[in-house]
Amino acid sequence: GQVPMRRVPFFGELPADDSLAILSVVAGGAALGLFLSFVVAFQKREEIVGELSNVKIPEMKYTERVPEPGECWGICGSRDGNFDTIERVMNSFAKKAS
């Protein structure tokens, strides 16, 4: 049969039976948990900042790589930008005018 419905903010229409009570308990628990996580983070902010400041970021070193003779980088052509091959490939995908 027909179950009476009830409008609930943020959730829309819900059945007005025990599921509404369960939803309110779960939503309240989630809100309380979120609030308490912010409270704990605020109280322990000195320790959190201290631990984060101990993190060591590895230094990245760049070494120029010189191509070996006959080695191919991407589309085999000059490193400085011979785009003829790319242009031919891209034009082969273009729609042909009829």
Protein backbone atom coordinates (compact mmCIF):
# COMPACT_ATOMS: atom_id res chain seq x y z
CA GLY A 1 0.00 0.00 0.00
CA GLN A 2 0.81 3.63 0.14
CA VAL A 3 3.40 4.71 2.67
CA PRO A 4 3.03 8.27 3.99
CA MET A 5 5.90 10.46 2.82
CA ARG A 6 7.64 13.31 4.61
CA ARG A 7 9.84 16.08 3.18
CA VAL A 8 13.28 16.24 4.79
CA PRO A 9 15.79 19.04 4.05
CA PHE A 10 18.78 17.88 1.94
CA PHE A 11 17.23 14.42 1.42
CA GLY A 12 13.89 15.15 -0.30
CA GLU A 13 10.89 12.92 0.33
CA LEU A 14 11.37 9.94 2.62
CA PRO A 15 8.94 7.38 4.00
CA ALA A 16 7.58 8.52 7.38
CA ASP A 17 8.30 5.24 9.15
CA ASP A 18 11.28 3.93 11.15
CA SER A 19 13.71 4.61 8.31
CA LEU A 20 13.46 8.34 9.10
CA ALA A 21 14.57 7.66 12.69
CA ILE A 22 17.48 5.54 11.46
CA LEU A 23 18.49 8.26 9.00
CA SER A 24 18.46 10.91 11.70
CA VAL A 25 20.63 8.80 14.03
CA VAL A 26 23.13 8.05 11.25
CA ALA A 27 23.23 11.68 10.06
CA GLY A 28 23.69 12.88 13.65
CA GLY A 29 26.51 10.42 14.23
CA ALA A 30 28.24 11.50 11.02
CA ALA A 31 27.94 15.17 11.95
CA LEU A 32 29.25 14.49 15.46
CA GLY A 33 32.19 12.50 14.07
CA LEU A 34 33.10 15.27 11.63
CA PHE A 35 32.89 17.89 14.38
CA LEU A 36 35.04 15.83 16.77
CA SER A 37 37.67 15.23 14.10
CA PHE A 38 38.03 19.00 13.70
CA VAL A 39 38.22 19.42 17.49
CA VAL A 40 40.97 16.80 17.80
CA ALA A 41 42.90 18.24 14.84
CA PHE A 42 42.70 21.72 16.40
CA GLN A 43 43.89 20.47 19.80
CA LYS A 44 46.78 18.49 18.30
CA ARG A 45 47.80 21.08 15.69
CA GLU A 46 51.29 21.57 17.20
CA GLU A 47 52.05 17.85 16.97
CA ILE A 48 50.62 17.63 13.45
CA VAL A 49 52.71 20.59 12.25
CA GLY A 50 55.78 19.12 13.96
CA GLU A 51 55.36 15.77 12.23
CA LEU A 52 54.74 17.38 8.86
CA SER A 53 57.86 19.53 9.22
CA ASN A 54 59.94 16.34 9.67
CA VAL A 55 59.03 15.11 6.20
CA LYS A 56 62.07 15.21 3.93
CA ILE A 57 61.42 15.87 0.26
CA PRO A 58 64.03 14.19 -1.93
CA GLU A 59 66.05 16.49 -4.13
CA MET A 60 65.39 16.00 -7.83
CA LYS A 61 68.46 16.35 -10.01
CA TYR A 62 68.18 16.89 -13.74
CA THR A 63 70.80 15.37 -15.97
CA GLU A 64 70.69 16.17 -19.66
CA ARG A 65 70.32 13.03 -21.71
CA VAL A 66 72.06 12.91 -25.05
CA PRO A 67 70.54 10.59 -27.66
CA GLU A 68 72.63 7.68 -28.82
CA PRO A 69 73.30 7.52 -32.56
CA GLY A 70 70.27 5.93 -34.22
CA GLU A 71 68.13 6.24 -31.10
CA CYS A 72 64.53 7.33 -31.69
CA TRP A 73 62.80 9.90 -29.45
CA GLY A 74 59.06 9.83 -30.10
CA ILE A 75 58.50 10.27 -33.82
CA CYS A 76 61.89 9.61 -35.33
CA GLY A 77 63.18 12.92 -36.53
CA SER A 78 65.32 15.74 -35.29
CA ARG A 79 65.01 16.65 -31.65
CA ASP A 80 64.66 20.34 -32.43
CA GLY A 81 61.33 19.94 -34.14
CA ASN A 82 61.01 18.45 -37.58
CA PHE A 83 57.21 18.48 -37.71
CA ASP A 84 56.75 17.22 -41.27
CA THR A 85 55.96 13.69 -40.10
CA ILE A 86 53.50 14.94 -37.49
CA GLU A 87 51.82 17.18 -40.07
CA ARG A 88 51.41 14.27 -42.50
CA VAL A 89 49.94 12.04 -39.81
CA MET A 90 47.52 14.71 -38.59
CA ASN A 91 46.46 15.60 -42.13
CA SER A 92 45.73 11.93 -42.82
CA PHE A 93 43.04 12.11 -40.11
CA ALA A 94 41.49 15.30 -41.50
CA LYS A 95 38.15 15.01 -43.29
CA LYS A 96 38.54 15.01 -47.02
CA ALA A 97 36.49 17.70 -48.79
CA SER A 98 33.99 16.06 -51.13
